[in-house]
Amino acid sequence: MAASSRLPIDRSTHQPSINTFGDLSNFLRTAVADEDSRIFSESMGHLANHVEAVVAQLRVTRRRDVLAPLLMDMLTVLRDHRHLVVGLGLAWRGLYEYPAYLHALNNFRVLIGQWLLQATPSDAELAVTAAEFELVAWRTMGDGMLLIDMYEQWLDREEPDVSQSTMGALEEPQVARAVQWWQKLRR
C-alpha cells in the first residue's frame, strides 16, 4: 500500500485499518474529492456516529425501552442519508456501486424496522445483538466507502488524448468492411 494512504496503518499487519465506526467517521472527513464527495462523506460520518452509539448501547443492554429511541433515530438518519444519495448526480448514479449501496441502505433500514417490530409489547429485550447490528452496519458502510472510492477514481481518471486516436486514420477499405460487419450484426 502506498505511503500516501489516508487510512491509519495497523502495526501488526502493516495494512490500512479502520477498527471502529469513530475511525471510519474520522476517515470520511478527509475523503474529499469535490463538493458532492464532501457532503456524501459528512453524511456517512454522521451515520457512522449513530451506528457507534447504537452498538455501544447494544453492548450494555438490549432493553427495548432503551434501544427503541436510538433505533428510531437511526432510521431517521438512514432515511436522510438515503435521500441525499438518491439526489446525487449522474456521475454517481452511473457507477456500478451506486445501486449496490442503495440496496445496502434499504436493507439496513428494513432490518432495523424488523428488529423493532419483532419484539412484542411484552418483550423487554430486542432480538438483535451488538454483533448482528455491527455486521450489517459494516457491510453498509463498506459499500458506501467503495462508492466514494470509485467516484474519486472516476474523477481522477485522465481524459483520453483524442490526438492519439487512430480511429480517424482508417483507410477506405477498412471503413467499408466495418460498415458491412455492423450491418450484418443489425440483421
C-alpha atoms as a PDB file:
ATOM      1  CA  MET A   1       0.000   0.000   0.000  1.00  0.00           C
ATOM      2  CA  ALA A   2       1.320   3.426  -0.838  1.00  0.00           C
ATOM      3  CA  ALA A   3       2.588   5.667   1.922  1.00  0.00           C
ATOM      4  CA  SER A   4       0.046   8.276   0.882  1.00  0.00           C
ATOM      5  CA  SER A   5      -2.857   6.183   2.192  1.00  0.00           C
ATOM      6  CA  ARG A   6      -5.289   8.217   4.263  1.00  0.00           C
ATOM      7  CA  LEU A   7      -6.085   5.200   6.434  1.00  0.00           C
ATOM      8  CA  PRO A   8      -4.110   4.531   9.615  1.00  0.00           C
ATOM      9  CA  ILE A   9      -1.679   1.623   9.289  1.00  0.00           C
ATOM     10  CA  ASP A  10      -2.098  -1.337  11.658  1.00  0.00           C
ATOM     11  CA  ARG A  11       1.344  -2.050  13.156  1.00  0.00           C
ATOM     12  CA  SER A  12       0.781  -5.810  13.360  1.00  0.00           C
ATOM     13  CA  THR A  13      -0.373  -6.315   9.761  1.00  0.00           C
ATOM     14  CA  HIS A  14       1.214  -3.249   8.131  1.00  0.00           C
ATOM     15  CA  GLN A  15      -2.084  -2.790   6.269  1.00  0.00           C
ATOM     16  CA  PRO A  16      -4.530   0.123   6.308  1.00  0.00           C
ATOM     17  CA  SER A  17      -7.081  -0.374   9.053  1.00  0.00           C
ATOM     18  CA  ILE A  18     -10.297   1.048  10.474  1.00  0.00           C
ATOM     19  CA  ASN A  19     -11.396  -0.627  13.698  1.00  0.00           C
ATOM     20  CA  THR A  20     -14.333   1.461  14.918  1.00  0.00           C
ATOM     21  CA  PHE A  21     -17.115   3.494  13.409  1.00  0.00           C
ATOM     22  CA  GLY A  22     -15.448   6.519  15.012  1.00  0.00           C
ATOM     23  CA  ASP A  23     -12.289   5.773  12.984  1.00  0.00           C
ATOM     24  CA  LEU A  24     -14.488   5.477   9.922  1.00  0.00           C
ATOM     25  CA  SER A  25     -16.108   8.830  10.656  1.00  0.00           C
ATOM     26  CA  ASN A  26     -12.667  10.464  11.001  1.00  0.00           C
ATOM     27  CA  PHE A  27     -11.519   8.893   7.740  1.00  0.00           C
ATOM     28  CA  LEU A  28     -14.612  10.108   5.913  1.00  0.00           C
ATOM     29  CA  ARG A  29     -13.906  13.692   6.935  1.00  0.00           C
ATOM     30  CA  THR A  30     -10.643  13.500   4.960  1.00  0.00           C
ATOM     31  CA  ALA A  31     -12.136  11.746   1.915  1.00  0.00           C
ATOM     32  CA  VAL A  32     -12.994  14.820  -0.114  1.00  0.00           C
ATOM     33  CA  ALA A  33     -12.595  14.993  -3.867  1.00  0.00           C
ATOM     34  CA  ASP A  34     -15.267  17.597  -4.615  1.00  0.00           C
ATOM     35  CA  GLU A  35     -18.360  19.157  -3.046  1.00  0.00           C
ATOM     36  CA  ASP A  36     -20.625  16.134  -3.643  1.00  0.00           C
ATOM     37  CA  SER A  37     -17.993  13.874  -2.168  1.00  0.00           C
ATOM     38  CA  ARG A  38     -17.608  16.131   0.872  1.00  0.00           C
ATOM     39  CA  ILE A  39     -21.348  16.216   1.540  1.00  0.00           C
ATOM     40  CA  PHE A  40     -21.666  12.459   0.993  1.00  0.00           C
ATOM     41  CA  SER A  41     -18.707  11.776   3.306  1.00  0.00           C
ATOM     42  CA  GLU A  42     -20.099  14.046   6.026  1.00  0.00           C
ATOM     43  CA  SER A  43     -23.444  12.279   5.822  1.00  0.00           C
ATOM     44  CA  MET A  44     -21.750   8.882   6.064  1.00  0.00           C
ATOM     45  CA  GLY A  45     -19.742  10.175   9.032  1.00  0.00           C
ATOM     46  CA  HIS A  46     -22.984  11.224  10.719  1.00  0.00           C
ATOM     47  CA  LEU A  47     -24.360   7.750  10.008  1.00  0.00           C
ATOM     48  CA  ALA A  48     -21.206   6.140  11.447  1.00  0.00           C
ATOM     49  CA  ASN A  49     -21.558   8.182  14.650  1.00  0.00           C
ATOM     50  CA  HIS A  50     -25.128   6.944  15.109  1.00  0.00           C
ATOM     51  CA  VAL A  51     -24.083   3.362  14.421  1.00  0.00           C
ATOM     52  CA  GLU A  52     -21.328   3.698  17.035  1.00  0.00           C
ATOM     53  CA  ALA A  53     -23.869   4.914  19.609  1.00  0.00           C
ATOM     54  CA  VAL A  54     -26.295   2.062  18.880  1.00  0.00           C
ATOM     55  CA  VAL A  55     -23.545  -0.587  19.011  1.00  0.00           C
ATOM     56  CA  ALA A  56     -22.226   0.829  22.296  1.00  0.00           C
ATOM     57  CA  GLN A  57     -25.718   0.709  23.809  1.00  0.00           C
ATOM     58  CA  LEU A  58     -26.354  -2.815  22.484  1.00  0.00           C
ATOM     59  CA  ARG A  59     -23.189  -3.976  24.249  1.00  0.00           C
ATOM     60  CA  VAL A  60     -24.600  -2.643  27.526  1.00  0.00           C
ATOM     61  CA  THR A  61     -28.243  -3.674  27.190  1.00  0.00           C
ATOM     62  CA  ARG A  62     -30.782  -4.967  24.694  1.00  0.00           C
ATOM     63  CA  ARG A  63     -33.704  -3.461  26.580  1.00  0.00           C
ATOM     64  CA  ARG A  64     -36.402  -2.329  24.222  1.00  0.00           C
ATOM     65  CA  ASP A  65     -37.237   0.867  26.128  1.00  0.00           C
ATOM     66  CA  VAL A  66     -33.595   1.995  25.920  1.00  0.00           C
ATOM     67  CA  LEU A  67     -32.834   0.921  22.347  1.00  0.00           C
ATOM     68  CA  ALA A  68     -36.076   1.722  20.531  1.00  0.00           C
ATOM     69  CA  PRO A  69     -35.497   5.513  20.577  1.00  0.00           C
ATOM     70  CA  LEU A  70     -31.900   5.039  19.351  1.00  0.00           C
ATOM     71  CA  LEU A  71     -33.033   2.758  16.546  1.00  0.00           C
ATOM     72  CA  MET A  72     -35.805   5.171  15.554  1.00  0.00           C
ATOM     73  CA  ASP A  73     -33.207   7.962  15.389  1.00  0.00           C
ATOM     74  CA  MET A  74     -31.025   5.625  13.331  1.00  0.00           C
ATOM     75  CA  LEU A  75     -33.911   5.090  10.896  1.00  0.00           C
ATOM     76  CA  THR A  76     -34.275   8.859  10.530  1.00  0.00           C
ATOM     77  CA  VAL A  77     -30.545   9.272   9.864  1.00  0.00           C
ATOM     78  CA  LEU A  78     -30.641   6.416   7.329  1.00  0.00           C
ATOM     79  CA  ARG A  79     -33.678   7.939   5.602  1.00  0.00           C
ATOM     80  CA  ASP A  80     -31.972  11.356   5.382  1.00  0.00           C
ATOM     81  CA  HIS A  81     -28.746   9.792   4.101  1.00  0.00           C
ATOM     82  CA  ARG A  82     -30.646   7.756   1.515  1.00  0.00           C
ATOM     83  CA  HIS A  83     -32.434  10.922   0.370  1.00  0.00           C
ATOM     84  CA  LEU A  84     -29.022  12.547  -0.141  1.00  0.00           C
ATOM     85  CA  VAL A  85     -27.744   9.501  -2.065  1.00  0.00           C
ATOM     86  CA  VAL A  86     -30.809   9.456  -4.335  1.00  0.00           C
ATOM     87  CA  GLY A  87     -30.187  13.134  -5.106  1.00  0.00           C
ATOM     88  CA  LEU A  88     -26.587  12.620  -6.248  1.00  0.00           C
ATOM     89  CA  GLY A  89     -25.708  13.498  -9.828  1.00  0.00           C
ATOM     90  CA  LEU A  90     -25.396  11.328 -12.904  1.00  0.00           C
ATOM     91  CA  ALA A  91     -21.689  10.743 -12.331  1.00  0.00           C
ATOM     92  CA  TRP A  92     -22.520   8.930  -9.074  1.00  0.00           C
ATOM     93  CA  ARG A  93     -25.554   7.123 -10.465  1.00  0.00           C
ATOM     94  CA  GLY A  94     -23.550   5.842 -13.400  1.00  0.00           C
ATOM     95  CA  LEU A  95     -21.239   3.882 -11.130  1.00  0.00           C
ATOM     96  CA  TYR A  96     -21.852   0.165 -10.675  1.00  0.00           C
ATOM     97  CA  GLU A  97     -21.544   0.560  -6.896  1.00  0.00           C
ATOM     98  CA  TYR A  98     -24.369   3.118  -6.669  1.00  0.00           C
ATOM     99  CA  PRO A  99     -27.339   0.702  -6.838  1.00  0.00           C
ATOM    100  CA  ALA A 100     -25.482  -1.741  -4.581  1.00  0.00           C
ATOM    101  CA  TYR A 101     -25.124   0.969  -1.951  1.00  0.00           C
ATOM    102  CA  LEU A 102     -28.782   1.983  -2.262  1.00  0.00           C
ATOM    103  CA  HIS A 103     -29.709  -1.670  -1.810  1.00  0.00           C
ATOM    104  CA  ALA A 104     -27.499  -1.909   1.291  1.00  0.00           C
ATOM    105  CA  LEU A 105     -29.102   1.226   2.773  1.00  0.00           C
ATOM    106  CA  ASN A 106     -32.591  -0.103   2.110  1.00  0.00           C
ATOM    107  CA  ASN A 107     -31.664  -3.484   3.580  1.00  0.00           C
ATOM    108  CA  PHE A 108     -30.288  -1.820   6.725  1.00  0.00           C
ATOM    109  CA  ARG A 109     -33.498   0.201   7.138  1.00  0.00           C
ATOM    110  CA  VAL A 110     -35.661  -2.886   6.670  1.00  0.00           C
ATOM    111  CA  LEU A 111     -33.627  -4.874   9.204  1.00  0.00           C
ATOM    112  CA  ILE A 112     -33.878  -2.128  11.816  1.00  0.00           C
ATOM    113  CA  GLY A 113     -37.626  -1.996  11.263  1.00  0.00           C
ATOM    114  CA  GLN A 114     -37.869  -5.770  11.612  1.00  0.00           C
ATOM    115  CA  TRP A 115     -35.807  -5.751  14.803  1.00  0.00           C
ATOM    116  CA  LEU A 116     -38.125  -3.140  16.253  1.00  0.00           C
ATOM    117  CA  LEU A 117     -41.295  -4.954  15.181  1.00  0.00           C
ATOM    118  CA  GLN A 118     -40.188  -8.485  16.098  1.00  0.00           C
ATOM    119  CA  ALA A 119     -40.408  -7.719  19.772  1.00  0.00           C
ATOM    120  CA  THR A 120     -43.919  -7.946  21.127  1.00  0.00           C
ATOM    121  CA  PRO A 121     -45.059  -5.341  23.659  1.00  0.00           C
ATOM    122  CA  SER A 122     -44.443  -7.890  26.418  1.00  0.00           C
ATOM    123  CA  ASP A 123     -40.811  -8.444  25.322  1.00  0.00           C
ATOM    124  CA  ALA A 124     -38.395  -6.477  27.434  1.00  0.00           C
ATOM    125  CA  GLU A 125     -35.444  -7.066  25.078  1.00  0.00           C
ATOM    126  CA  LEU A 126     -34.885  -6.749  21.357  1.00  0.00           C
ATOM    127  CA  ALA A 127     -33.716  -9.823  19.455  1.00  0.00           C
ATOM    128  CA  VAL A 128     -30.795  -8.045  17.761  1.00  0.00           C
ATOM    129  CA  THR A 129     -27.313  -8.380  19.238  1.00  0.00           C
ATOM    130  CA  ALA A 130     -24.457  -5.913  19.008  1.00  0.00           C
ATOM    131  CA  ALA A 131     -22.584  -8.297  16.698  1.00  0.00           C
ATOM    132  CA  GLU A 132     -25.547  -8.638  14.309  1.00  0.00           C
ATOM    133  CA  PHE A 133     -26.137  -4.908  14.165  1.00  0.00           C
ATOM    134  CA  GLU A 134     -22.436  -4.202  13.723  1.00  0.00           C
ATOM    135  CA  LEU A 135     -22.134  -6.726  10.889  1.00  0.00           C
ATOM    136  CA  VAL A 136     -24.950  -5.128   8.891  1.00  0.00           C
ATOM    137  CA  ALA A 137     -23.594  -1.648   9.632  1.00  0.00           C
ATOM    138  CA  TRP A 138     -20.054  -2.536   8.487  1.00  0.00           C
ATOM    139  CA  ARG A 139     -21.395  -4.052   5.275  1.00  0.00           C
ATOM    140  CA  THR A 140     -23.466  -0.960   4.577  1.00  0.00           C
ATOM    141  CA  MET A 141     -20.655   1.460   5.408  1.00  0.00           C
ATOM    142  CA  GLY A 142     -18.215  -0.618   3.357  1.00  0.00           C
ATOM    143  CA  ASP A 143     -20.478  -0.302   0.328  1.00  0.00           C
ATOM    144  CA  GLY A 144     -20.608   3.457   0.889  1.00  0.00           C
ATOM    145  CA  MET A 145     -16.835   3.710   1.168  1.00  0.00           C
ATOM    146  CA  LEU A 146     -16.461   1.706  -2.034  1.00  0.00           C
ATOM    147  CA  LEU A 147     -18.852   4.093  -3.782  1.00  0.00           C
ATOM    148  CA  ILE A 148     -16.802   7.097  -2.611  1.00  0.00           C
ATOM    149  CA  ASP A 149     -13.573   5.414  -3.699  1.00  0.00           C
ATOM    150  CA  MET A 150     -14.908   4.564  -7.151  1.00  0.00           C
ATOM    151  CA  TYR A 151     -16.288   8.077  -7.601  1.00  0.00           C
ATOM    152  CA  GLU A 152     -12.920   9.588  -6.671  1.00  0.00           C
ATOM    153  CA  GLN A 153     -11.159   7.236  -9.087  1.00  0.00           C
ATOM    154  CA  TRP A 154     -13.622   8.286 -11.767  1.00  0.00           C
ATOM    155  CA  LEU A 155     -12.800  11.949 -11.057  1.00  0.00           C
ATOM    156  CA  ASP A 156      -9.059  11.280 -11.122  1.00  0.00           C
ATOM    157  CA  ARG A 157      -9.000   9.352 -14.365  1.00  0.00           C
ATOM    158  CA  GLU A 158      -7.274  11.103 -17.192  1.00  0.00           C
ATOM    159  CA  GLU A 159      -9.271  12.067 -20.211  1.00  0.00           C
ATOM    160  CA  PRO A 160      -8.105  10.132 -23.263  1.00  0.00           C
ATOM    161  CA  ASP A 161      -5.870  12.035 -25.646  1.00  0.00           C
ATOM    162  CA  VAL A 162      -8.007  12.369 -28.774  1.00  0.00           C
ATOM    163  CA  SER A 163      -4.987  13.369 -30.853  1.00  0.00           C
ATOM    164  CA  GLN A 164      -3.525   9.873 -30.258  1.00  0.00           C
ATOM    165  CA  SER A 165      -6.645   8.100 -31.551  1.00  0.00           C
ATOM    166  CA  THR A 166      -6.269   6.031 -34.717  1.00  0.00           C
ATOM    167  CA  MET A 167      -9.996   5.886 -35.432  1.00  0.00           C
ATOM    168  CA  GLY A 168      -9.805   8.690 -37.982  1.00  0.00           C
ATOM    169  CA  ALA A 169      -6.837   7.066 -39.724  1.00  0.00           C
ATOM    170  CA  LEU A 170      -8.784   4.108 -41.119  1.00  0.00           C
ATOM    171  CA  GLU A 171      -8.391   3.623 -44.830  1.00  0.00           C
ATOM    172  CA  GLU A 172     -11.446   3.355 -47.082  1.00  0.00           C
ATOM    173  CA  PRO A 173     -11.460  -0.493 -47.415  1.00  0.00           C
ATOM    174  CA  GLN A 174     -11.314  -0.854 -43.626  1.00  0.00           C
ATOM    175  CA  VAL A 175     -14.215   1.544 -43.201  1.00  0.00           C
ATOM    176  CA  ALA A 176     -16.267  -0.357 -45.792  1.00  0.00           C
ATOM    177  CA  ARG A 177     -15.576  -3.692 -44.017  1.00  0.00           C
ATOM    178  CA  ALA A 178     -16.537  -2.183 -40.663  1.00  0.00           C
ATOM    179  CA  VAL A 179     -19.812  -0.861 -42.098  1.00  0.00           C
ATOM    180  CA  GLN A 180     -20.599  -4.268 -43.662  1.00  0.00           C
ATOM    181  CA  TRP A 181     -19.849  -6.015 -40.373  1.00  0.00           C
ATOM    182  CA  TRP A 182     -22.099  -3.607 -38.493  1.00  0.00           C
ATOM    183  CA  GLN A 183     -24.958  -4.109 -40.964  1.00  0.00           C
ATOM    184  CA  LYS A 184     -24.691  -7.913 -40.610  1.00  0.00           C
ATOM    185  CA  LEU A 185     -24.991  -7.560 -36.847  1.00  0.00           C
ATOM    186  CA  ARG A 186     -28.124  -5.465 -37.120  1.00  0.00           C
ATOM    187  CA  ARG A 187     -29.988  -8.002 -39.314  1.00  0.00           C
END
